[in-house]
Amino acid sequence: IEVVRWLLFERRFVPQEGTGKQVLELILQAQDWPFLGAVLQMEHMNWPPESFSVVVDFAREAPIPQMTSLLEQDFTLKSPIAQCLLAGFAQGQHWDLFEWLVKRRVELPDEASKKILVSLAMAKKAFALELLIRRGSVGSGALAEAMTLLASKDSADCKPTWQWQRGDGWIGFDMDISRSLEDAYASGNPQSPVLVEFQVGSTRYRVNFETMIQRSEGSGRERHLRRVGELPPLVKPPPLSPERATEILRSRSHGPLQGPDPGKCAEFQNAQVLSVEPVISSEVWSTYQMAVCKLRSKHRQYGVEVKPVAMFEELKLHLLDSTLNEGYYFHGTDAESARRIQHFGFDERFSKGIYGDGIYFTPDACKALQYSKPTGDGSRILILARILVGDPFFTNSTLSTRYPPPRDPLEPGLLYDSVIARPGPSAGAPGDHQHHTEVVIFNGAQTYPAYIMRVGLRNG
């Protein structure tokens, strides 16, 4: 190890195939962290590509104490070897170490970042991707490729799939063929408006989308096809009159003698809904339905058992998905934000609060109205949103986070779907007490703004 140290520091050694890998293996086996930290700063060293795999494998498999000792060394992060540490942390799901390294603003060239981002996208580690993006640590080319891959992986379970009939049952095509059929069906095939060809092994098939028949070109055998799993079409919110909306709002506001903070709540007891505008947006609805599908897929993949969250009778406007704790909740805002939400949906990037940086909802109209700002005529804006609470984390203290808490320490990428703060003691809240129920959603796709209400206040 001393000879290697002298060779490297005196620049008497040029890594080549075989020797470069052996030198790194020697340093890692010796666990000489100051030496490795110095090697990581040697930007002039042109390590052969095969050397990188040694560092990636080490970072993926190494025990956490060893990695912590290494990261205590003061090294720059421009070296290709340093970038391999990041890739190894990602593959080994050492997310604490990954985040620590990124926060030192690791500078990744496009080619290096592409490998890391693609591995994250394949693993569906959206939060790790966002961490890199927010730190400005990735090149635009790598980012575009990784985000495309992430979107395709995350939405694969939500896209329609294709099946062929065998006897009395249906058999699904493999993922690649199913995607090819779906792409041709959705965009139109240049060969013909209704025909598309594909091959399985040595057998070629022709599909007629008009008759939904698959024909083998070799044997001439025909089978029926079907397309399953389409996203539900836009569902127009059921009619909600201002009178009915007023009843709901008042029933979900604390009276003058109720609650620990009767002054604010009592102010809204005589509120009246002046108008109700249903939101009809195909784009926002499709995003919401994709979130439905993703949550179901996530719960199925990890065996998550979603426990029911109690819904208030006044807010059960129509049949909802109880398996995902879907419900209607209030959100107070201003007129300008309401219009933006109406067209583009809720955006968690612009929200902050004492229970995390997410979008805040509540079944208590008096609480939501406290966050609504008076318009020019004195009225206020309230949104009644349809949201997917899913598998919530119940908290009795304030939180500082951009994501829901981890659900299982053994599954670092598995997070809760939302956070719920219920009335009662809450460490860190004003007076260490939470007065209303609040639901925090960290992904805007889990929300659909169903109604925009204009609310007026009356005295007496």
Protein backbone atom coordinates (compact mmCIF):
# COMPACT_ATOMS: atom_id res chain seq x y z
CA ILE A 1 0.00 0.00 0.00
CA GLU A 2 2.92 2.36 0.70
CA VAL A 3 4.40 1.65 -2.71
CA VAL A 4 1.06 2.36 -4.37
CA ARG A 5 0.71 5.57 -2.37
CA TRP A 6 4.14 6.75 -3.55
CA LEU A 7 3.44 5.79 -7.19
CA LEU A 8 0.15 7.70 -7.25
CA PHE A 9 1.29 10.80 -5.40
CA GLU A 10 4.47 11.09 -7.47
CA ARG A 11 2.45 10.53 -10.65
CA ARG A 12 4.68 7.60 -11.57
CA PHE A 13 1.68 5.37 -12.21
CA VAL A 14 -0.80 5.47 -15.12
CA PRO A 15 -3.82 3.21 -14.55
CA GLN A 16 -4.33 0.69 -17.31
CA GLU A 17 -6.60 -2.26 -17.81
CA GLY A 18 -6.07 -4.74 -15.01
CA THR A 19 -3.60 -2.69 -12.95
CA GLY A 20 -6.07 0.14 -12.27
CA LYS A 21 -8.63 -2.30 -10.99
CA GLN A 22 -6.04 -4.07 -8.82
CA VAL A 23 -4.84 -0.79 -7.28
CA LEU A 24 -8.38 0.23 -6.29
CA GLU A 25 -9.11 -3.22 -4.90
CA LEU A 26 -5.94 -3.00 -2.81
CA ILE A 27 -6.92 0.41 -1.38
CA LEU A 28 -10.47 -0.72 -0.60
CA GLN A 29 -9.32 -3.92 1.06
CA ALA A 30 -6.88 -1.94 3.21
CA GLN A 31 -9.75 0.37 4.27
CA ASP A 32 -7.31 3.27 4.09
CA TRP A 33 -9.96 5.98 3.91
CA PRO A 34 -7.65 9.04 3.89
CA PHE A 35 -5.73 7.47 1.01
CA LEU A 36 -8.92 6.67 -0.91
CA GLY A 37 -10.18 10.20 -0.24
CA ALA A 38 -6.97 11.53 -1.79
CA VAL A 39 -7.36 9.21 -4.79
CA LEU A 40 -10.90 10.49 -5.30
CA GLN A 41 -9.50 14.00 -5.78
CA MET A 42 -7.11 12.96 -8.56
CA GLU A 43 -8.99 14.36 -11.52
CA HIS A 44 -5.93 13.86 -13.70
CA MET A 45 -6.07 10.07 -13.27
CA ASN A 46 -7.56 8.45 -16.34
CA TRP A 47 -8.92 5.30 -14.72
CA PRO A 48 -9.98 2.58 -17.20
CA PRO A 49 -13.72 1.86 -17.21
CA GLU A 50 -13.31 -1.57 -15.63
CA SER A 51 -11.96 0.15 -12.50
CA PHE A 52 -15.29 1.87 -11.94
CA SER A 53 -17.12 -1.38 -11.31
CA VAL A 54 -14.87 -2.08 -8.31
CA VAL A 55 -15.95 1.14 -6.59
CA VAL A 56 -19.61 0.73 -7.54
CA ASP A 57 -19.67 -2.82 -6.16
CA PHE A 58 -17.91 -1.69 -2.98
CA ALA A 59 -20.32 1.19 -2.39
CA ARG A 60 -23.28 -1.10 -3.04
CA GLU A 61 -22.18 -3.85 -0.67
CA ALA A 62 -20.03 -2.10 1.96
CA PRO A 63 -21.34 -1.88 5.54
CA ILE A 64 -22.63 1.55 6.53
CA PRO A 65 -19.88 2.23 9.16
CA GLN A 66 -17.20 1.80 6.50
CA MET A 67 -18.98 4.19 4.17
CA THR A 68 -19.43 6.73 6.94
CA SER A 69 -15.71 6.61 7.69
CA LEU A 70 -14.93 7.19 4.05
CA LEU A 71 -17.31 10.12 3.70
CA GLU A 72 -15.76 11.84 6.69
CA GLN A 73 -12.72 12.44 4.49
CA ASP A 74 -12.56 15.82 2.79
CA PHE A 75 -12.54 15.16 -0.94
CA THR A 76 -13.91 16.87 -3.99
CA LEU A 77 -16.61 15.19 -6.02
CA LYS A 78 -15.58 15.76 -9.61
CA SER A 79 -13.58 12.56 -10.00
CA PRO A 80 -15.18 9.72 -11.99
CA ILE A 81 -14.36 7.43 -9.06
CA ALA A 82 -16.33 9.71 -6.71
CA GLN A 83 -19.26 9.51 -9.09
CA CYS A 84 -19.10 5.73 -8.88
CA LEU A 85 -19.74 5.99 -5.14
CA LEU A 86 -23.03 7.70 -5.90
CA ALA A 87 -24.00 4.98 -8.36
CA GLY A 88 -23.16 2.31 -5.79
CA PHE A 89 -25.20 4.01 -3.07
CA ALA A 90 -28.15 4.14 -5.45
CA GLN A 91 -27.89 0.48 -6.38
CA GLY A 92 -27.45 -0.57 -2.76
CA GLN A 93 -30.32 1.72 -1.66
CA HIS A 94 -28.13 3.47 0.89
CA TRP A 95 -30.33 6.55 0.65
CA ASP A 96 -28.93 8.38 3.68
CA LEU A 97 -25.43 8.16 2.21
CA PHE A 98 -26.75 9.00 -1.24
CA GLU A 99 -28.43 12.15 0.09
CA TRP A 100 -25.33 13.11 2.08
CA LEU A 101 -23.14 12.86 -0.99
CA VAL A 102 -25.56 14.79 -3.20
CA LYS A 103 -25.80 17.59 -0.65
CA ARG A 104 -22.09 18.17 -1.16
CA ARG A 105 -23.11 19.16 -4.69
CA VAL A 106 -21.46 16.34 -6.56
CA GLU A 107 -20.78 17.50 -10.11
CA LEU A 108 -21.77 14.83 -12.59
CA PRO A 109 -20.91 14.95 -16.29
CA ASP A 110 -23.76 13.96 -18.55
CA GLU A 111 -22.50 10.44 -19.23
CA ALA A 112 -21.89 9.62 -15.56
CA SER A 113 -25.18 11.09 -14.39
CA LYS A 114 -27.06 9.21 -17.08
CA LYS A 115 -26.00 5.86 -15.61
CA ILE A 116 -27.01 6.90 -12.10
CA LEU A 117 -30.30 8.49 -13.10
CA VAL A 118 -31.34 5.60 -15.28
CA SER A 119 -30.66 3.15 -12.45
CA LEU A 120 -32.79 5.31 -10.15
CA ALA A 121 -35.55 5.50 -12.74
CA MET A 122 -35.52 1.73 -13.24
CA ALA A 123 -35.84 1.31 -9.47
CA LYS A 124 -38.66 3.89 -9.39
CA LYS A 125 -36.74 6.03 -6.87
CA ALA A 126 -38.51 9.27 -7.76
CA PHE A 127 -37.51 11.01 -4.53
CA ALA A 128 -33.80 10.33 -5.17
CA LEU A 129 -34.17 11.67 -8.69
CA GLU A 130 -35.81 14.82 -7.38
CA LEU A 131 -32.98 15.25 -4.87
CA LEU A 132 -30.42 15.25 -7.68
CA ILE A 133 -32.53 17.56 -9.81
CA ARG A 134 -33.07 20.12 -7.06
CA ARG A 135 -29.33 20.17 -6.34
CA GLY A 136 -28.65 20.94 -9.99
CA SER A 137 -26.29 17.98 -10.12
CA VAL A 138 -27.30 16.46 -13.46
CA GLY A 139 -26.96 17.29 -17.12
CA SER A 140 -30.04 18.02 -19.21
CA GLY A 141 -29.52 15.07 -21.57
CA ALA A 142 -29.25 12.56 -18.76
CA LEU A 143 -32.20 14.12 -16.98
CA ALA A 144 -34.44 13.92 -20.02
CA GLU A 145 -33.64 10.25 -20.60
CA ALA A 146 -34.06 9.29 -16.95
CA MET A 147 -37.33 11.17 -16.50
CA THR A 148 -38.75 9.57 -19.63
CA LEU A 149 -37.77 6.15 -18.34
CA LEU A 150 -39.17 6.90 -14.88
CA ALA A 151 -42.49 7.99 -16.37
CA SER A 152 -42.72 4.88 -18.52
CA LYS A 153 -41.82 2.59 -15.62
CA ASP A 154 -44.17 4.27 -13.16
CA SER A 155 -47.06 4.32 -15.59
CA ALA A 156 -46.56 0.82 -17.00
CA ASP A 157 -49.08 -0.69 -14.61
CA CYS A 158 -51.58 2.02 -15.51
CA LYS A 159 -51.44 1.69 -19.27
CA PRO A 160 -53.88 -0.56 -21.13
CA THR A 161 -52.48 -4.04 -21.75
CA TRP A 162 -53.18 -6.55 -24.52
CA GLN A 163 -54.28 -10.18 -24.22
CA TRP A 164 -54.98 -13.04 -26.64
CA GLN A 165 -57.64 -15.69 -26.22
CA ARG A 166 -56.77 -19.32 -25.54
CA GLY A 167 -59.75 -21.59 -25.03
CA ASP A 168 -62.03 -20.00 -22.45
CA GLY A 169 -59.32 -17.82 -20.96
CA TRP A 170 -57.14 -14.83 -21.84
CA ILE A 171 -53.34 -14.72 -21.84
CA GLY A 172 -51.39 -11.46 -21.55
CA PHE A 173 -48.66 -10.56 -24.04
CA ASP A 174 -45.24 -9.80 -22.60
CA MET A 175 -44.60 -6.16 -21.69
CA ASP A 176 -42.68 -5.20 -24.84
CA ILE A 177 -45.25 -6.60 -27.27
CA SER A 178 -48.13 -5.17 -25.25
CA ARG A 179 -46.53 -1.72 -25.35
CA SER A 180 -45.89 -2.00 -29.08
CA LEU A 181 -49.51 -2.93 -29.71
CA GLU A 182 -50.73 -0.10 -27.48
CA ASP A 183 -48.49 2.46 -29.20
CA ALA A 184 -49.69 1.33 -32.62
CA TYR A 185 -53.32 1.33 -31.49
CA ALA A 186 -53.08 4.78 -29.89
CA SER A 187 -51.11 6.54 -32.62
CA GLY A 188 -52.15 4.69 -35.75
CA ASN A 189 -49.92 2.37 -37.74
CA PRO A 190 -48.26 3.79 -40.87
CA GLN A 191 -48.63 0.43 -42.69
CA SER A 192 -52.41 0.55 -42.47
CA PRO A 193 -55.10 2.19 -40.36
CA VAL A 194 -55.99 -1.18 -38.82
CA LEU A 195 -53.06 -3.57 -39.29
CA VAL A 196 -49.82 -4.00 -37.35
CA GLU A 197 -47.21 -6.77 -37.42
CA PHE A 198 -45.01 -8.22 -34.69
CA GLN A 199 -42.83 -11.28 -34.21
CA VAL A 200 -42.47 -13.81 -31.40
CA GLY A 201 -39.45 -16.06 -31.92
CA SER A 202 -39.57 -17.11 -35.58
CA THR A 203 -43.32 -16.64 -35.93
CA ARG A 204 -44.75 -13.46 -37.39
CA TYR A 205 -48.24 -12.24 -36.58
CA ARG A 206 -50.56 -9.66 -38.10
CA VAL A 207 -53.13 -7.84 -35.97
CA ASN A 208 -56.30 -6.24 -37.26
CA PHE A 209 -57.43 -3.59 -34.78
CA GLU A 210 -60.81 -3.27 -36.45
CA THR A 211 -61.77 -6.93 -35.96
CA MET A 212 -59.40 -7.45 -32.99
CA ILE A 213 -58.02 -10.60 -34.63
CA GLN A 214 -54.42 -11.85 -34.52
CA ARG A 215 -53.35 -14.08 -37.45
CA SER A 216 -50.21 -16.23 -37.66
CA GLU A 217 -48.56 -15.77 -41.06
CA GLY A 218 -47.08 -19.28 -40.90
CA SER A 219 -50.04 -21.44 -39.89
CA GLY A 220 -52.83 -19.00 -40.69
CA ARG A 221 -54.33 -19.60 -37.25
CA GLU A 222 -56.42 -16.76 -35.89
CA ARG A 223 -57.05 -15.73 -32.30
CA HIS A 224 -59.15 -12.99 -30.73
CA LEU A 225 -57.45 -10.07 -28.94
CA ARG A 226 -58.65 -7.62 -26.34
CA ARG A 227 -57.41 -4.42 -24.75
CA VAL A 228 -57.86 -4.14 -20.99
CA GLY A 229 -57.06 -1.69 -18.22
CA GLU A 230 -57.95 1.62 -19.83
CA LEU A 231 -58.02 4.63 -17.53
CA PRO A 232 -61.58 5.62 -16.63
CA PRO A 233 -62.97 8.50 -18.68
CA LEU A 234 -63.58 11.91 -17.13
CA VAL A 235 -66.36 11.77 -14.54
CA LYS A 236 -68.21 15.05 -14.25
CA PRO A 237 -68.67 16.01 -10.58
CA PRO A 238 -72.28 15.51 -9.48
CA PRO A 239 -74.42 18.66 -9.26
CA LEU A 240 -73.91 20.66 -6.07
CA SER A 241 -76.18 23.64 -5.49
CA PRO A 242 -75.07 26.67 -3.43
CA GLU A 243 -77.81 25.84 -0.92
CA ARG A 244 -76.58 22.28 -0.43
CA ALA A 245 -72.97 23.47 -0.34
CA THR A 246 -73.90 25.97 2.39
CA GLU A 247 -75.43 23.18 4.48
CA ILE A 248 -72.25 21.09 4.12
CA LEU A 249 -70.00 24.04 4.94
CA ARG A 250 -71.93 25.02 8.08
CA SER A 251 -72.17 21.42 9.29
CA ARG A 252 -68.39 21.16 8.96
CA SER A 253 -67.66 24.38 10.89
CA HIS A 254 -67.31 24.53 14.65
CA GLY A 255 -70.02 26.48 16.45
CA PRO A 256 -69.40 29.43 18.79
CA LEU A 257 -69.14 27.21 21.88
CA GLN A 258 -67.18 24.36 20.25
CA GLY A 259 -63.47 23.77 19.98
CA PRO A 260 -60.48 25.27 21.76
CA ASP A 261 -60.36 28.26 19.42
CA PRO A 262 -64.03 29.34 19.17
CA GLY A 263 -63.31 32.86 17.91
CA LYS A 264 -61.97 31.93 14.48
CA CYS A 265 -64.39 29.08 13.93
CA ALA A 266 -67.42 31.09 15.05
CA GLU A 267 -66.59 33.74 12.44
CA PHE A 268 -67.44 31.25 9.68
CA GLN A 269 -70.54 29.71 11.28
CA ASN A 270 -72.82 31.98 9.24
CA ALA A 271 -70.89 31.61 5.98
CA GLN A 272 -72.97 31.25 2.84
CA VAL A 273 -71.91 29.68 -0.45
CA LEU A 274 -72.67 32.21 -3.20
CA SER A 275 -71.70 30.04 -6.18
CA VAL A 276 -70.34 26.57 -6.98
CA GLU A 277 -68.33 25.88 -10.12
CA PRO A 278 -67.61 22.22 -10.93
CA VAL A 279 -64.13 21.60 -12.35
CA ILE A 280 -64.04 19.64 -15.60
CA SER A 281 -60.47 18.98 -16.75
CA SER A 282 -59.59 15.86 -18.72
CA GLU A 283 -55.87 16.43 -18.20
CA VAL A 284 -56.07 16.79 -14.42
CA TRP A 285 -58.49 13.86 -14.23
CA SER A 286 -56.13 11.60 -16.21
CA THR A 287 -53.28 12.50 -13.87
CA TYR A 288 -55.51 11.71 -10.89
CA GLN A 289 -56.50 8.33 -12.34
CA MET A 290 -52.84 7.52 -12.97
CA ALA A 291 -52.23 8.20 -9.28
CA VAL A 292 -55.07 5.79 -8.42
CA CYS A 293 -53.42 3.11 -10.50
CA LYS A 294 -49.93 3.77 -9.10
CA LEU A 295 -51.12 3.58 -5.49
CA ARG A 296 -52.91 0.29 -6.15
CA SER A 297 -49.82 -1.10 -7.85
CA LYS A 298 -47.59 0.05 -4.98
CA HIS A 299 -49.86 -1.47 -2.34
CA ARG A 300 -50.02 -4.73 -4.28
CA GLN A 301 -46.26 -4.86 -4.82
CA TYR A 302 -45.36 -4.30 -1.16
CA GLY A 303 -48.35 -6.03 0.40
CA VAL A 304 -49.60 -2.81 2.02
CA GLU A 305 -52.86 -3.25 3.90
CA VAL A 306 -54.68 0.08 3.83
CA LYS A 307 -56.68 0.67 6.99
CA PRO A 308 -59.86 2.72 6.53
CA VAL A 309 -59.91 6.38 7.53
CA ALA A 310 -63.24 7.62 8.89
CA MET A 311 -65.11 9.91 6.50
CA PHE A 312 -67.69 12.45 7.61
CA GLU A 313 -71.18 11.74 6.29
CA GLU A 314 -71.66 15.32 5.07
CA LEU A 315 -68.72 14.90 2.68
CA LYS A 316 -69.83 11.64 1.08
CA LEU A 317 -71.15 13.29 -2.06
CA HIS A 318 -71.12 10.09 -4.10
CA LEU A 319 -69.48 6.66 -4.26
CA LEU A 320 -65.72 6.83 -3.68
CA ASP A 321 -62.89 4.30 -3.56
CA SER A 322 -62.69 3.27 0.08
CA THR A 323 -59.74 0.92 -0.62
CA LEU A 324 -57.61 4.04 -1.20
CA ASN A 325 -59.37 6.16 1.44
CA GLU A 326 -60.62 8.49 -1.28
CA GLY A 327 -62.64 11.40 0.08
CA TYR A 328 -63.70 15.02 -0.26
CA TYR A 329 -61.78 17.64 1.72
CA PHE A 330 -61.65 21.45 1.84
CA HIS A 331 -58.74 23.65 0.76
CA GLY A 332 -58.68 27.42 1.28
CA THR A 333 -56.88 29.63 -1.22
CA ASP A 334 -57.10 32.90 -3.17
CA ALA A 335 -58.89 33.53 -6.46
CA GLU A 336 -55.75 33.57 -8.63
CA SER A 337 -54.43 30.30 -7.22
CA ALA A 338 -57.86 28.72 -7.57
CA ARG A 339 -57.88 29.44 -11.32
CA ARG A 340 -54.43 27.95 -11.70
CA ILE A 341 -55.48 24.86 -9.74
CA GLN A 342 -58.63 24.58 -11.86
CA HIS A 343 -56.60 24.28 -15.07
CA PHE A 344 -53.43 22.51 -13.92
CA GLY A 345 -54.30 20.82 -10.62
CA PHE A 346 -52.62 21.19 -7.23
CA ASP A 347 -48.84 21.58 -7.14
CA GLU A 348 -47.04 20.42 -3.99
CA ARG A 349 -43.92 22.46 -4.84
CA PHE A 350 -45.59 25.70 -3.69
CA SER A 351 -46.89 24.48 -0.33
CA LYS A 352 -45.38 24.47 3.13
CA GLY A 353 -46.66 23.83 6.63
CA ILE A 354 -45.85 22.52 10.08
CA TYR A 355 -46.47 18.91 9.05
CA GLY A 356 -44.29 18.96 5.94
CA ASP A 357 -44.02 20.69 2.59
CA GLY A 358 -47.19 19.33 1.03
CA ILE A 359 -50.72 20.39 0.08
CA TYR A 360 -53.00 20.85 3.09
CA PHE A 361 -56.62 19.71 3.22
CA THR A 362 -59.15 19.42 6.01
CA PRO A 363 -62.69 18.11 6.54
CA ASP A 364 -63.32 21.23 8.66
CA ALA A 365 -64.52 24.11 6.49
CA CYS A 366 -63.80 26.65 9.25
CA LYS A 367 -60.13 25.64 9.17
CA ALA A 368 -59.87 25.90 5.37
CA LEU A 369 -61.58 29.32 5.36
CA GLN A 370 -58.84 30.64 7.65
CA TYR A 371 -56.45 30.20 4.70
CA SER A 372 -58.72 31.73 2.07
CA LYS A 373 -58.05 35.36 1.21
CA PRO A 374 -60.92 37.86 0.68
CA THR A 375 -61.49 38.88 -2.93
CA GLY A 376 -62.42 42.38 -4.07
CA ASP A 377 -66.07 41.99 -2.99
CA GLY A 378 -65.10 40.42 0.35
CA SER A 379 -66.01 36.87 -0.62
CA ARG A 380 -63.59 33.99 -0.13
CA ILE A 381 -62.55 31.02 -2.26
CA LEU A 382 -62.86 27.46 -1.03
CA ILE A 383 -62.04 24.34 -3.05
CA LEU A 384 -63.76 21.05 -2.31
CA ALA A 385 -61.25 18.51 -3.60
CA ARG A 386 -61.36 14.81 -4.18
CA ILE A 387 -58.16 13.33 -2.74
CA LEU A 388 -56.46 9.96 -2.31
CA VAL A 389 -55.40 9.66 1.33
CA GLY A 390 -54.24 6.09 0.72
CA ASP A 391 -52.07 4.62 3.47
CA PRO A 392 -51.58 7.57 5.87
CA PHE A 393 -49.04 8.27 8.59
CA PHE A 394 -50.74 9.62 11.74
CA THR A 395 -48.55 12.15 13.50
CA ASN A 396 -48.73 13.74 16.95
CA SER A 397 -45.85 16.14 16.33
CA THR A 398 -44.76 18.59 13.67
CA LEU A 399 -42.69 17.33 10.73
CA SER A 400 -40.01 18.89 8.54
CA THR A 401 -40.07 16.88 5.32
CA ARG A 402 -40.81 17.05 1.61
CA TYR A 403 -42.01 13.45 1.52
CA PRO A 404 -44.22 11.21 3.64
CA PRO A 405 -42.29 9.29 6.30
CA PRO A 406 -40.80 5.85 5.45
CA ARG A 407 -43.22 3.03 6.10
CA ASP A 408 -40.70 0.26 6.67
CA PRO A 409 -37.01 0.69 7.64
CA LEU A 410 -36.22 -2.44 5.62
CA GLU A 411 -37.75 -0.86 2.51
CA PRO A 412 -36.17 2.63 2.29
CA GLY A 413 -38.08 3.48 -0.88
CA LEU A 414 -41.49 2.57 0.58
CA LEU A 415 -43.18 5.67 1.97
CA TYR A 416 -46.61 6.37 3.41
CA ASP A 417 -49.06 7.98 0.99
CA SER A 418 -49.97 11.00 3.15
CA VAL A 419 -49.81 12.49 6.65
CA ILE A 420 -52.79 13.08 8.95
CA ALA A 421 -52.74 15.30 12.03
CA ARG A 422 -55.80 14.80 14.24
CA PRO A 423 -57.08 17.05 17.04
CA GLY A 424 -55.18 16.59 20.27
CA PRO A 425 -51.68 17.03 21.70
CA SER A 426 -49.13 17.75 18.98
CA ALA A 427 -45.54 18.57 19.89
CA GLY A 428 -44.32 21.65 18.06
CA ALA A 429 -47.76 22.93 17.05
CA PRO A 430 -48.98 26.26 18.47
CA GLY A 431 -49.61 25.59 22.15
CA ASP A 432 -48.49 22.00 21.46
CA HIS A 433 -52.07 21.27 20.43
CA GLN A 434 -53.72 20.48 17.09
CA HIS A 435 -57.24 21.94 16.88
CA HIS A 436 -58.53 20.52 13.56
CA THR A 437 -57.98 17.48 11.39
CA GLU A 438 -55.48 18.19 8.62
CA VAL A 439 -54.43 15.92 5.76
CA VAL A 440 -51.14 16.57 3.96
CA ILE A 441 -50.67 15.27 0.41
CA PHE A 442 -47.11 15.35 -0.97
CA ASN A 443 -48.02 14.50 -4.57
CA GLY A 444 -50.40 16.80 -6.40
CA ALA A 445 -51.48 13.93 -8.66
CA GLN A 446 -53.36 12.44 -5.67
CA THR A 447 -55.81 15.35 -5.79
CA TYR A 448 -58.62 16.49 -8.07
CA PRO A 449 -60.19 19.95 -7.49
CA ALA A 450 -63.85 18.98 -7.90
CA TYR A 451 -65.62 22.24 -6.95
CA ILE A 452 -64.60 25.88 -6.61
CA MET A 453 -66.87 27.72 -4.14
CA ARG A 454 -67.24 31.43 -3.62
CA VAL A 455 -68.18 31.99 0.01
CA GLY A 456 -69.64 35.08 1.66
CA LEU A 457 -69.66 35.90 5.37
CA ARG A 458 -72.66 37.37 7.14
CA ASN A 459 -72.74 38.95 10.59
CA GLY A 460 -75.44 38.14 13.11
